[in-house]
Amino acid sequence: MLVDVNYWAVVLATLSTMLVGSIWYTSKVFGNYWMRVAKVDPGDRNPVGPIVTTLIVSFISAWVLAIATQVTWTALGGNYLLVAIMTGIMLWAGFTAARIITHDAFEGRPSGLTILNIAHEFVTVLIMAIIIGVWPPAGTV
């Protein structure tokens, strides 16, 4: 089965994660709290590696979300945007949030940090889903 993906939407969704993260973790939003609780010292390392890693994994996440959305829409039909949003929320809850909560529980991380990070991931996935949902592959809707 060949699954159609709008790669322009995937690229835009990938870039949106950088915007969301840049706002979310700025010192005027949650950055100071995050650095304190996660014990992150911005002077400890070069940010280029984490930024490149984020771009790569964000592309993979957006691509998988686009495929999952297309497969779900093909199977169930309906409004493409709503299918994308529901698919994104289900993938976030079942994989992202569940895995972060599990790892943080075993690592003894503060619950506030866990909530901050899973909320960030929720907003990130929701925006990616909206982008993918409003820009489906050609001929889909």
N, C-alpha and C. Protein backbone atom coordinates (compact mmCIF):
# COMPACT_ATOMS: atom_id res chain seq x y z
N MET A 1 0.85 -1.19 0.00
CA MET A 1 0.00 0.00 0.00
C MET A 1 0.89 1.24 0.00
N LEU A 2 0.65 2.10 -0.93
CA LEU A 2 1.38 3.36 -1.02
C LEU A 2 0.58 4.44 -0.32
N VAL A 3 1.22 5.14 0.61
CA VAL A 3 0.53 6.18 1.38
C VAL A 3 1.00 7.54 0.88
N ASP A 4 0.05 8.38 0.48
CA ASP A 4 0.37 9.72 0.01
C ASP A 4 0.67 10.63 1.19
N VAL A 5 1.74 11.39 1.06
CA VAL A 5 2.14 12.35 2.09
C VAL A 5 2.45 13.67 1.42
N ASN A 6 1.98 14.75 1.98
CA ASN A 6 2.34 16.08 1.51
C ASN A 6 3.62 16.49 2.24
N TYR A 7 4.75 16.37 1.57
CA TYR A 7 6.03 16.65 2.21
C TYR A 7 6.22 18.13 2.53
N TRP A 8 5.53 19.01 1.82
CA TRP A 8 5.59 20.43 2.18
C TRP A 8 4.96 20.64 3.55
N ALA A 9 3.85 19.96 3.80
CA ALA A 9 3.21 20.04 5.12
C ALA A 9 4.11 19.44 6.19
N VAL A 10 4.78 18.34 5.86
CA VAL A 10 5.69 17.70 6.81
C VAL A 10 6.84 18.65 7.15
N VAL A 11 7.40 19.30 6.16
CA VAL A 11 8.50 20.25 6.41
C VAL A 11 8.01 21.42 7.26
N LEU A 12 6.85 21.97 6.92
CA LEU A 12 6.31 23.08 7.71
C LEU A 12 6.01 22.63 9.15
N ALA A 13 5.45 21.43 9.30
CA ALA A 13 5.18 20.90 10.64
C ALA A 13 6.49 20.71 11.41
N THR A 14 7.52 20.27 10.72
CA THR A 14 8.84 20.12 11.35
C THR A 14 9.34 21.46 11.86
N LEU A 15 9.27 22.47 11.02
CA LEU A 15 9.74 23.80 11.42
C LEU A 15 8.90 24.39 12.54
N SER A 16 7.61 24.04 12.58
CA SER A 16 6.75 24.57 13.64
C SER A 16 7.21 24.11 15.01
N THR A 17 7.83 22.92 15.08
CA THR A 17 8.31 22.44 16.38
C THR A 17 9.41 23.33 16.93
N MET A 18 10.21 23.87 16.04
CA MET A 18 11.29 24.78 16.47
C MET A 18 10.69 26.07 17.02
N LEU A 19 9.65 26.56 16.38
CA LEU A 19 8.99 27.78 16.85
C LEU A 19 8.33 27.55 18.21
N VAL A 20 7.60 26.45 18.33
CA VAL A 20 6.93 26.14 19.59
C VAL A 20 7.96 26.00 20.71
N GLY A 21 9.02 25.25 20.48
CA GLY A 21 10.06 25.07 21.49
C GLY A 21 10.76 26.37 21.86
N SER A 22 10.99 27.19 20.85
CA SER A 22 11.65 28.48 21.11
C SER A 22 10.80 29.39 21.99
N ILE A 23 9.50 29.33 21.82
CA ILE A 23 8.60 30.13 22.65
C ILE A 23 8.42 29.47 24.02
N TRP A 24 8.14 28.17 24.03
CA TRP A 24 7.83 27.44 25.27
C TRP A 24 8.96 27.53 26.28
N TYR A 25 10.18 27.34 25.80
CA TYR A 25 11.33 27.27 26.70
C TYR A 25 12.10 28.57 26.82
N THR A 26 11.51 29.69 26.36
CA THR A 26 12.15 30.98 26.57
C THR A 26 12.01 31.35 28.04
N SER A 27 12.91 32.20 28.50
CA SER A 27 12.89 32.57 29.92
C SER A 27 11.61 33.30 30.31
N LYS A 28 10.94 33.94 29.36
CA LYS A 28 9.71 34.66 29.68
C LYS A 28 8.49 33.75 29.77
N VAL A 29 8.63 32.49 29.33
CA VAL A 29 7.51 31.56 29.42
C VAL A 29 7.87 30.50 30.47
N PHE A 30 8.44 29.36 30.08
CA PHE A 30 8.75 28.30 31.04
C PHE A 30 10.24 28.00 31.14
N GLY A 31 11.07 28.74 30.43
CA GLY A 31 12.50 28.44 30.36
C GLY A 31 13.23 28.46 31.68
N ASN A 32 12.99 29.49 32.49
CA ASN A 32 13.69 29.56 33.78
C ASN A 32 13.31 28.40 34.68
N TYR A 33 12.02 28.09 34.74
CA TYR A 33 11.57 26.95 35.55
C TYR A 33 12.19 25.66 35.03
N TRP A 34 12.14 25.45 33.72
CA TRP A 34 12.67 24.24 33.11
C TRP A 34 14.16 24.08 33.41
N MET A 35 14.94 25.14 33.22
CA MET A 35 16.38 25.05 33.47
C MET A 35 16.68 24.73 34.93
N ARG A 36 15.92 25.34 35.84
CA ARG A 36 16.14 25.09 37.27
C ARG A 36 15.77 23.67 37.65
N VAL A 37 14.59 23.23 37.27
CA VAL A 37 14.11 21.91 37.69
C VAL A 37 14.83 20.78 36.95
N ALA A 38 15.13 20.97 35.68
CA ALA A 38 15.83 19.94 34.90
C ALA A 38 17.34 20.02 35.10
N LYS A 39 17.78 21.02 35.85
CA LYS A 39 19.21 21.22 36.13
C LYS A 39 20.01 21.38 34.84
N VAL A 40 19.51 22.26 33.99
CA VAL A 40 20.15 22.57 32.72
C VAL A 40 20.90 23.88 32.86
N ASP A 41 22.16 23.86 32.50
CA ASP A 41 22.97 25.08 32.48
C ASP A 41 23.26 25.38 31.02
N PRO A 42 22.70 26.49 30.50
CA PRO A 42 22.87 26.78 29.07
C PRO A 42 24.33 26.95 28.65
N GLY A 43 25.20 27.25 29.59
CA GLY A 43 26.60 27.41 29.25
C GLY A 43 27.38 26.11 29.21
N ASP A 44 26.74 25.00 29.58
CA ASP A 44 27.43 23.71 29.65
C ASP A 44 27.72 23.07 28.30
N ARG A 45 26.92 23.39 27.27
CA ARG A 45 27.11 22.72 26.00
C ARG A 45 26.72 23.60 24.83
N ASN A 46 27.20 23.20 23.68
CA ASN A 46 26.89 23.88 22.43
C ASN A 46 25.48 23.46 22.00
N PRO A 47 24.59 24.41 21.70
CA PRO A 47 23.21 24.05 21.35
C PRO A 47 23.03 23.48 19.94
N VAL A 48 24.07 23.50 19.11
CA VAL A 48 23.92 23.06 17.72
C VAL A 48 23.50 21.58 17.65
N GLY A 49 24.13 20.72 18.42
CA GLY A 49 23.80 19.30 18.41
C GLY A 49 22.35 19.03 18.76
N PRO A 50 21.85 19.58 19.89
CA PRO A 50 20.44 19.38 20.23
C PRO A 50 19.47 19.96 19.19
N ILE A 51 19.84 21.08 18.57
CA ILE A 51 18.97 21.68 17.57
C ILE A 51 18.89 20.79 16.33
N VAL A 52 20.03 20.28 15.87
CA VAL A 52 20.04 19.38 14.71
C VAL A 52 19.26 18.11 15.04
N THR A 53 19.48 17.57 16.24
CA THR A 53 18.74 16.38 16.66
C THR A 53 17.25 16.65 16.66
N THR A 54 16.84 17.80 17.19
CA THR A 54 15.43 18.16 17.23
C THR A 54 14.84 18.24 15.83
N LEU A 55 15.56 18.83 14.90
CA LEU A 55 15.06 18.91 13.53
C LEU A 55 14.87 17.53 12.92
N ILE A 56 15.82 16.64 13.14
CA ILE A 56 15.74 15.29 12.57
C ILE A 56 14.55 14.53 13.16
N VAL A 57 14.45 14.50 14.49
CA VAL A 57 13.37 13.73 15.11
C VAL A 57 12.01 14.39 14.88
N SER A 58 11.99 15.71 14.75
CA SER A 58 10.74 16.40 14.45
C SER A 58 10.26 16.06 13.05
N PHE A 59 11.20 15.95 12.11
CA PHE A 59 10.83 15.54 10.76
C PHE A 59 10.24 14.13 10.79
N ILE A 60 10.89 13.23 11.50
CA ILE A 60 10.39 11.85 11.60
C ILE A 60 9.00 11.84 12.22
N SER A 61 8.80 12.61 13.30
CA SER A 61 7.50 12.67 13.95
C SER A 61 6.43 13.22 13.02
N ALA A 62 6.74 14.29 12.31
CA ALA A 62 5.77 14.88 11.37
C ALA A 62 5.45 13.92 10.24
N TRP A 63 6.45 13.24 9.75
CA TRP A 63 6.27 12.27 8.66
C TRP A 63 5.38 11.11 9.12
N VAL A 64 5.66 10.57 10.30
CA VAL A 64 4.85 9.47 10.84
C VAL A 64 3.42 9.95 11.08
N LEU A 65 3.26 11.16 11.61
CA LEU A 65 1.92 11.70 11.84
C LEU A 65 1.17 11.85 10.51
N ALA A 66 1.85 12.31 9.49
CA ALA A 66 1.22 12.46 8.17
C ALA A 66 0.80 11.10 7.61
N ILE A 67 1.63 10.09 7.76
CA ILE A 67 1.29 8.74 7.29
C ILE A 67 0.12 8.19 8.10
N ALA A 68 0.19 8.30 9.43
CA ALA A 68 -0.88 7.79 10.29
C ALA A 68 -2.20 8.48 10.00
N THR A 69 -2.13 9.79 9.75
CA THR A 69 -3.34 10.54 9.42
C THR A 69 -3.94 10.04 8.11
N GLN A 70 -3.10 9.87 7.11
CA GLN A 70 -3.59 9.42 5.81
C GLN A 70 -4.19 8.02 5.90
N VAL A 71 -3.53 7.13 6.62
CA VAL A 71 -4.04 5.77 6.78
C VAL A 71 -5.38 5.79 7.52
N THR A 72 -5.45 6.58 8.59
CA THR A 72 -6.69 6.68 9.36
C THR A 72 -7.81 7.27 8.52
N TRP A 73 -7.51 8.33 7.78
CA TRP A 73 -8.51 8.97 6.93
C TRP A 73 -8.99 8.01 5.84
N THR A 74 -8.06 7.26 5.26
CA THR A 74 -8.42 6.29 4.23
C THR A 74 -9.36 5.23 4.80
N ALA A 75 -9.08 4.79 6.02
CA ALA A 75 -9.89 3.74 6.64
C ALA A 75 -11.24 4.24 7.13
N LEU A 76 -11.26 5.46 7.68
CA LEU A 76 -12.48 5.95 8.33
C LEU A 76 -13.20 7.06 7.60
N GLY A 77 -12.46 7.80 6.75
CA GLY A 77 -13.06 8.94 6.08
C GLY A 77 -13.30 10.08 7.05
N GLY A 78 -14.15 10.99 6.65
CA GLY A 78 -14.47 12.13 7.50
C GLY A 78 -13.68 13.37 7.16
N ASN A 79 -13.71 14.32 8.07
CA ASN A 79 -13.02 15.59 7.91
C ASN A 79 -11.52 15.38 8.13
N TYR A 80 -10.72 15.70 7.13
CA TYR A 80 -9.28 15.42 7.19
C TYR A 80 -8.61 16.13 8.36
N LEU A 81 -8.98 17.38 8.60
CA LEU A 81 -8.39 18.13 9.71
C LEU A 81 -8.70 17.46 11.05
N LEU A 82 -9.95 17.07 11.25
CA LEU A 82 -10.32 16.41 12.51
C LEU A 82 -9.64 15.06 12.66
N VAL A 83 -9.50 14.34 11.57
CA VAL A 83 -8.79 13.06 11.61
C VAL A 83 -7.33 13.29 12.00
N ALA A 84 -6.70 14.32 11.43
CA ALA A 84 -5.30 14.62 11.76
C ALA A 84 -5.16 14.98 13.24
N ILE A 85 -6.06 15.81 13.74
CA ILE A 85 -5.99 16.22 15.15
C ILE A 85 -6.20 15.02 16.07
N MET A 86 -7.21 14.22 15.80
CA MET A 86 -7.48 13.05 16.65
C MET A 86 -6.33 12.03 16.57
N THR A 87 -5.78 11.84 15.40
CA THR A 87 -4.65 10.93 15.25
C THR A 87 -3.45 11.45 16.04
N GLY A 88 -3.19 12.75 15.92
CA GLY A 88 -2.08 13.34 16.66
C GLY A 88 -2.26 13.21 18.16
N ILE A 89 -3.45 13.48 18.66
CA ILE A 89 -3.71 13.38 20.10
C ILE A 89 -3.56 11.93 20.58
N MET A 90 -4.05 10.99 19.80
CA MET A 90 -3.93 9.59 20.20
C MET A 90 -2.48 9.12 20.19
N LEU A 91 -1.72 9.51 19.18
CA LEU A 91 -0.30 9.16 19.15
C LEU A 91 0.45 9.81 20.31
N TRP A 92 0.12 11.07 20.59
CA TRP A 92 0.75 11.78 21.72
C TRP A 92 0.46 11.06 23.03
N ALA A 93 -0.82 10.76 23.27
CA ALA A 93 -1.21 10.13 24.54
C ALA A 93 -0.63 8.74 24.68
N GLY A 94 -0.70 7.95 23.62
CA GLY A 94 -0.29 6.56 23.70
C GLY A 94 1.20 6.33 23.66
N PHE A 95 1.92 7.24 23.04
CA PHE A 95 3.36 7.04 22.91
C PHE A 95 4.17 8.12 23.62
N THR A 96 3.99 9.36 23.23
CA THR A 96 4.81 10.42 23.79
C THR A 96 4.56 10.62 25.29
N ALA A 97 3.34 10.97 25.66
CA ALA A 97 3.04 11.24 27.06
C ALA A 97 3.28 10.02 27.93
N ALA A 98 2.80 8.87 27.48
CA ALA A 98 2.95 7.65 28.28
C ALA A 98 4.42 7.31 28.51
N ARG A 99 5.24 7.46 27.50
CA ARG A 99 6.67 7.12 27.63
C ARG A 99 7.41 8.13 28.50
N ILE A 100 7.10 9.42 28.33
CA ILE A 100 7.75 10.44 29.16
C ILE A 100 7.39 10.22 30.63
N ILE A 101 6.11 9.97 30.90
CA ILE A 101 5.68 9.74 32.29
C ILE A 101 6.40 8.54 32.88
N THR A 102 6.50 7.45 32.12
CA THR A 102 7.17 6.25 32.61
C THR A 102 8.64 6.53 32.92
N HIS A 103 9.35 7.14 31.99
CA HIS A 103 10.77 7.42 32.20
C HIS A 103 10.98 8.39 33.36
N ASP A 104 10.17 9.42 33.42
CA ASP A 104 10.32 10.39 34.51
C ASP A 104 10.02 9.78 35.87
N ALA A 105 9.07 8.87 35.93
CA ALA A 105 8.75 8.20 37.20
C ALA A 105 9.95 7.38 37.68
N PHE A 106 10.57 6.63 36.78
CA PHE A 106 11.72 5.82 37.16
C PHE A 106 12.95 6.66 37.47
N GLU A 107 13.08 7.81 36.81
CA GLU A 107 14.23 8.69 37.05
C GLU A 107 14.00 9.61 38.23
N GLY A 108 12.80 9.60 38.80
CA GLY A 108 12.50 10.43 39.96
C GLY A 108 12.44 11.92 39.64
N ARG A 109 12.08 12.23 38.43
CA ARG A 109 11.98 13.65 38.05
C ARG A 109 10.76 14.28 38.70
N PRO A 110 10.84 15.57 38.98
CA PRO A 110 9.69 16.26 39.58
C PRO A 110 8.47 16.21 38.66
N SER A 111 7.30 16.05 39.27
CA SER A 111 6.07 15.95 38.46
C SER A 111 5.82 17.23 37.66
N GLY A 112 6.22 18.37 38.19
CA GLY A 112 6.05 19.63 37.46
C GLY A 112 6.83 19.63 36.16
N LEU A 113 8.02 19.04 36.18
CA LEU A 113 8.84 18.95 34.96
C LEU A 113 8.18 18.01 33.96
N THR A 114 7.66 16.90 34.46
CA THR A 114 6.97 15.95 33.58
C THR A 114 5.77 16.61 32.92
N ILE A 115 4.97 17.31 33.70
CA ILE A 115 3.79 17.98 33.16
C ILE A 115 4.19 19.04 32.14
N LEU A 116 5.23 19.81 32.45
CA LEU A 116 5.72 20.84 31.54
C LEU A 116 6.12 20.23 30.20
N ASN A 117 6.87 19.14 30.25
CA ASN A 117 7.36 18.52 29.02
C ASN A 117 6.26 17.83 28.22
N ILE A 118 5.34 17.14 28.89
CA ILE A 118 4.28 16.50 28.11
C ILE A 118 3.30 17.53 27.56
N ALA A 119 3.12 18.65 28.28
CA ALA A 119 2.27 19.73 27.75
C ALA A 119 2.92 20.35 26.52
N HIS A 120 4.24 20.53 26.57
CA HIS A 120 4.97 21.06 25.41
C HIS A 120 4.79 20.12 24.22
N GLU A 121 4.94 18.83 24.46
CA GLU A 121 4.78 17.86 23.38
C GLU A 121 3.35 17.85 22.84
N PHE A 122 2.37 18.05 23.72
CA PHE A 122 0.97 18.11 23.28
C PHE A 122 0.77 19.28 22.33
N VAL A 123 1.23 20.46 22.72
CA VAL A 123 1.08 21.64 21.88
C VAL A 123 1.82 21.44 20.55
N THR A 124 3.01 20.88 20.61
CA THR A 124 3.81 20.62 19.42
C THR A 124 3.07 19.70 18.45
N VAL A 125 2.57 18.57 18.97
CA VAL A 125 1.87 17.61 18.13
C VAL A 125 0.56 18.20 17.60
N LEU A 126 -0.13 18.95 18.41
CA LEU A 126 -1.39 19.56 17.98
C LEU A 126 -1.15 20.52 16.81
N ILE A 127 -0.13 21.34 16.90
CA ILE A 127 0.16 22.27 15.80
C ILE A 127 0.61 21.51 14.55
N MET A 128 1.43 20.48 14.73
CA MET A 128 1.82 19.66 13.58
C MET A 128 0.59 19.03 12.93
N ALA A 129 -0.33 18.53 13.75
CA ALA A 129 -1.55 17.90 13.22
C ALA A 129 -2.41 18.91 12.47
N ILE A 130 -2.51 20.12 12.99
CA ILE A 130 -3.29 21.15 12.30
C ILE A 130 -2.68 21.46 10.94
N ILE A 131 -1.36 21.61 10.89
CA ILE A 131 -0.69 21.89 9.62
C ILE A 131 -0.93 20.75 8.63
N ILE A 132 -0.74 19.52 9.07
CA ILE A 132 -0.94 18.36 8.20
C ILE A 132 -2.41 18.23 7.81
N GLY A 133 -3.31 18.54 8.75
CA GLY A 133 -4.74 18.43 8.48
C GLY A 133 -5.28 19.45 7.51
N VAL A 134 -4.73 20.66 7.52
CA VAL A 134 -5.23 21.68 6.59
C VAL A 134 -4.52 21.62 5.24
N TRP A 135 -3.46 20.80 5.15
CA TRP A 135 -2.71 20.70 3.91
C TRP A 135 -2.51 19.23 3.54
N PRO A 136 -3.61 18.52 3.23
CA PRO A 136 -3.51 17.09 2.91
C PRO A 136 -2.83 16.87 1.57
N PRO A 137 -2.45 15.62 1.31
CA PRO A 137 -1.84 15.32 0.00
C PRO A 137 -2.80 15.66 -1.15
N ALA A 138 -2.27 16.04 -2.26
CA ALA A 138 -3.08 16.39 -3.44
C ALA A 138 -4.00 15.23 -3.81
N GLY A 139 -5.24 15.55 -4.09
CA GLY A 139 -6.20 14.55 -4.50
C GLY A 139 -6.84 13.77 -3.37
N THR A 140 -6.47 14.09 -2.13
CA THR A 140 -7.01 13.36 -0.99
C THR A 140 -8.42 13.83 -0.64
N VAL A 141 -8.59 15.12 -0.54
CA VAL A 141 -9.87 15.66 -0.08
C VAL A 141 -10.50 16.46 -1.20
